Amino acid sequence: MSDAKRVLRARLRAERNTFAMSSDAVIVPPRALLDRLRADMVVASYIPVGSEADPTPLAAAAKAAGCTIVLPHVTSRAEPIRFLEWDVRGPLASGPFGLRQPDPGAAELQPDVILTPLLGFDAQLNRLGQGAGHYDRAFDACPDAWRLGVAWSCQQVDALAVDPWDVPLHAIVTEQGLLP
């Protein structure tokens, strides 16, 4: 990992933490997501860690539309994410990196929509994640999935350095609305 990315990640975490502590902002499901949802779809969400933007309203809208909700299941930095079915009433297990995730025996499903956490993003819909490449590998494995970043507006930067393996998002939703 480059020093520039390490420094940027630290700065964006601090800004995100400050924003989240001083704000009661909520992410509202954008029309672009609501119009896309069908009862036969699988939507990957996540349980926010720390000051990550909370996708709960987006996942609730998907559930109300009849979609199946899956959450990422991570075992290590090197292993790929598996998206496992989540019964929203069921318990979650503790995973690495502070994650809350479904039981490893839950059904693995391929998502049609991936709600994606991030540290930073730019106007070209590039994202800066935690650095392990989990979501970039998931995007590569699910090329037809609609990739929706979920973030706070304070996480936007002018431009991100893009590596060959980085996969851009289709859209990003913040408390201020939908980009692009």
Protein backbone atom coordinates (compact mmCIF):
# COMPACT_ATOMS: atom_id res chain seq x y z
CA MET A 1 0.00 0.00 0.00
CA SER A 2 1.37 3.42 -0.91
CA ASP A 3 2.12 5.99 1.78
CA ALA A 4 -0.21 8.44 0.02
CA LYS A 5 -3.15 6.02 0.30
CA ARG A 6 -2.30 5.23 3.92
CA VAL A 7 -2.28 8.96 4.77
CA LEU A 8 -5.51 9.57 2.83
CA ARG A 9 -7.24 6.67 4.58
CA ALA A 10 -6.23 8.04 8.00
CA ARG A 11 -7.45 11.53 7.10
CA LEU A 12 -10.76 10.29 5.72
CA ARG A 13 -11.38 8.06 8.77
CA ALA A 14 -10.83 11.06 11.04
CA GLU A 15 -13.15 13.27 8.95
CA ARG A 16 -15.78 10.55 8.80
CA ASN A 17 -15.57 10.04 12.58
CA THR A 18 -15.97 13.77 13.23
CA PHE A 19 -18.92 14.01 10.83
CA ALA A 20 -20.67 10.96 12.26
CA MET A 21 -20.29 12.21 15.85
CA SER A 22 -21.59 15.69 15.04
CA SER A 23 -24.42 14.77 12.69
CA ASP A 24 -27.78 13.09 12.80
CA ALA A 25 -27.75 12.64 9.02
CA VAL A 26 -29.53 9.65 7.52
CA ILE A 27 -29.10 8.02 4.12
CA VAL A 28 -32.47 8.08 2.32
CA PRO A 29 -33.16 5.43 -0.34
CA PRO A 30 -32.77 7.17 -3.72
CA ARG A 31 -35.36 6.72 -6.47
CA ALA A 32 -32.68 5.05 -8.63
CA LEU A 33 -32.46 2.22 -6.09
CA LEU A 34 -36.20 1.96 -5.45
CA ASP A 35 -36.95 1.80 -9.20
CA ARG A 36 -34.39 -0.97 -9.64
CA LEU A 37 -35.70 -3.32 -6.93
CA ARG A 38 -37.75 -6.44 -7.74
CA ALA A 39 -38.94 -9.17 -5.42
CA ASP A 40 -36.63 -11.78 -6.97
CA MET A 41 -33.45 -9.76 -6.36
CA VAL A 42 -30.63 -10.32 -3.90
CA VAL A 43 -29.29 -7.17 -2.25
CA ALA A 44 -25.98 -7.19 -0.40
CA SER A 45 -25.91 -4.83 2.52
CA TYR A 46 -23.54 -4.55 5.49
CA ILE A 47 -23.60 -3.78 9.19
CA PRO A 48 -21.68 -0.51 9.63
CA VAL A 49 -18.44 -0.57 11.58
CA GLY A 50 -17.60 2.55 13.56
CA SER A 51 -18.55 5.70 11.67
CA GLU A 52 -19.40 4.03 8.34
CA ALA A 53 -22.57 5.37 6.74
CA ASP A 54 -25.48 3.17 7.78
CA PRO A 55 -27.22 1.37 4.88
CA THR A 56 -30.13 0.20 7.06
CA PRO A 57 -32.75 2.41 5.31
CA LEU A 58 -31.58 1.09 1.94
CA ALA A 59 -31.69 -2.54 3.08
CA ALA A 60 -35.11 -1.97 4.67
CA ALA A 61 -36.43 -0.58 1.36
CA ALA A 62 -35.06 -3.64 -0.44
CA LYS A 63 -36.63 -5.98 2.12
CA ALA A 64 -39.97 -4.13 1.78
CA ALA A 65 -39.75 -4.68 -2.00
CA GLY A 66 -39.43 -8.42 -1.37
CA CYS A 67 -35.68 -8.70 -1.97
CA THR A 68 -33.48 -11.20 -0.20
CA ILE A 69 -30.80 -9.53 1.94
CA VAL A 70 -27.29 -10.90 2.17
CA LEU A 71 -24.35 -9.68 4.21
CA PRO A 72 -20.65 -10.08 3.62
CA HIS A 73 -18.93 -12.92 5.43
CA VAL A 74 -15.19 -12.49 5.78
CA THR A 75 -12.76 -14.98 7.25
CA SER A 76 -9.41 -13.30 6.56
CA ARG A 77 -7.73 -10.50 4.65
CA ALA A 78 -6.73 -12.88 1.84
CA GLU A 79 -9.99 -14.81 1.44
CA PRO A 80 -12.77 -13.36 -0.74
CA ILE A 81 -16.06 -12.11 0.63
CA ARG A 82 -18.92 -14.56 0.55
CA PHE A 83 -22.40 -13.02 0.54
CA LEU A 84 -24.57 -15.02 2.93
CA GLU A 85 -28.32 -14.82 3.37
CA TRP A 86 -29.40 -12.85 6.41
CA ASP A 87 -32.58 -13.29 8.38
CA VAL A 88 -32.94 -9.74 9.70
CA ARG A 89 -34.46 -11.13 12.91
CA GLY A 90 -31.60 -13.58 13.43
CA PRO A 91 -28.41 -13.14 15.41
CA LEU A 92 -25.11 -12.15 13.86
CA ALA A 93 -21.70 -13.56 14.70
CA SER A 94 -18.56 -11.55 15.36
CA GLY A 95 -16.09 -11.64 12.51
CA PRO A 96 -12.66 -10.23 11.81
CA PHE A 97 -12.11 -6.45 11.52
CA GLY A 98 -15.04 -5.74 13.87
CA LEU A 99 -17.57 -7.17 11.40
CA ARG A 100 -20.99 -8.53 12.38
CA GLN A 101 -21.90 -11.27 9.93
CA PRO A 102 -24.26 -14.19 9.33
CA ASP A 103 -23.50 -17.70 10.46
CA PRO A 104 -21.04 -19.32 8.01
CA GLY A 105 -23.62 -22.05 7.32
CA ALA A 106 -26.14 -19.61 5.82
CA ALA A 107 -26.89 -19.88 2.11
CA GLU A 108 -24.39 -18.18 -0.17
CA LEU A 109 -26.10 -16.07 -2.87
CA GLN A 110 -24.85 -13.86 -5.68
CA PRO A 111 -26.11 -10.29 -5.26
CA ASP A 112 -27.87 -8.22 -7.92
CA VAL A 113 -27.16 -5.01 -5.97
CA ILE A 114 -24.14 -4.43 -3.72
CA LEU A 115 -24.44 -1.68 -1.11
CA THR A 116 -20.80 -0.82 -0.58
CA PRO A 117 -19.05 0.82 2.37
CA LEU A 118 -16.06 3.02 1.65
CA LEU A 119 -13.57 5.49 3.07
CA GLY A 120 -13.46 7.91 0.16
CA PHE A 121 -14.86 8.56 -3.30
CA ASP A 122 -14.52 11.02 -6.17
CA ALA A 123 -16.86 12.42 -8.82
CA GLN A 124 -15.77 9.69 -11.26
CA LEU A 125 -17.30 7.14 -8.81
CA ASN A 126 -13.94 5.66 -7.85
CA ARG A 127 -13.83 4.40 -4.26
CA LEU A 128 -11.17 4.05 -1.65
CA GLY A 129 -11.81 1.11 0.62
CA GLN A 130 -9.99 -0.30 3.62
CA GLY A 131 -7.18 -1.68 1.45
CA ALA A 132 -7.75 -5.44 1.49
CA GLY A 133 -9.46 -5.51 -1.93
CA HIS A 134 -12.46 -7.50 -0.68
CA TYR A 135 -15.05 -5.44 -2.55
CA ASP A 136 -12.98 -5.10 -5.74
CA ARG A 137 -12.74 -8.91 -5.88
CA ALA A 138 -16.47 -9.18 -5.13
CA PHE A 139 -17.25 -6.75 -7.97
CA ASP A 140 -15.11 -8.83 -10.30
CA ALA A 141 -16.95 -11.99 -9.23
CA CYS A 142 -20.37 -10.29 -9.65
CA PRO A 143 -19.88 -8.21 -12.81
CA ASP A 144 -23.60 -7.69 -13.44
CA ALA A 145 -24.37 -6.40 -9.94
CA TRP A 146 -25.27 -2.72 -9.55
CA ARG A 147 -22.62 -1.22 -7.27
CA LEU A 148 -23.99 1.50 -4.98
CA GLY A 149 -21.53 3.19 -2.63
CA VAL A 150 -22.91 4.32 0.71
CA ALA A 151 -21.02 7.22 2.29
CA TRP A 152 -21.15 10.57 4.03
CA SER A 153 -20.67 13.62 1.81
CA CYS A 154 -17.52 14.54 3.78
CA GLN A 155 -15.83 11.48 2.28
CA GLN A 156 -15.73 12.96 -1.23
CA VAL A 157 -12.30 14.01 -2.51
CA ASP A 158 -11.29 15.77 -5.71
CA ALA A 159 -9.65 12.72 -7.26
CA LEU A 160 -8.45 9.29 -6.20
CA ALA A 161 -5.41 7.48 -7.54
CA VAL A 162 -6.79 4.40 -9.30
CA ASP A 163 -4.99 1.09 -9.46
CA PRO A 164 -5.61 -1.43 -12.28
CA TRP A 165 -7.68 -3.68 -9.99
CA ASP A 166 -9.95 -0.88 -8.73
CA VAL A 167 -13.55 -1.21 -9.91
CA PRO A 168 -15.63 2.00 -9.99
CA LEU A 169 -19.13 2.21 -8.58
CA HIS A 170 -22.28 2.80 -10.61
CA ALA A 171 -23.55 5.41 -8.14
CA ILE A 172 -22.97 6.73 -4.63
CA VAL A 173 -25.61 7.78 -2.13
CA THR A 174 -24.87 10.20 0.71
CA GLU A 175 -27.05 12.09 3.16
CA GLN A 176 -27.22 14.78 0.45
CA GLY A 177 -28.54 12.51 -2.29
CA LEU A 178 -27.36 10.40 -5.20
CA LEU A 179 -24.25 10.87 -7.35
CA PRO A 180 -23.84 11.16 -10.25
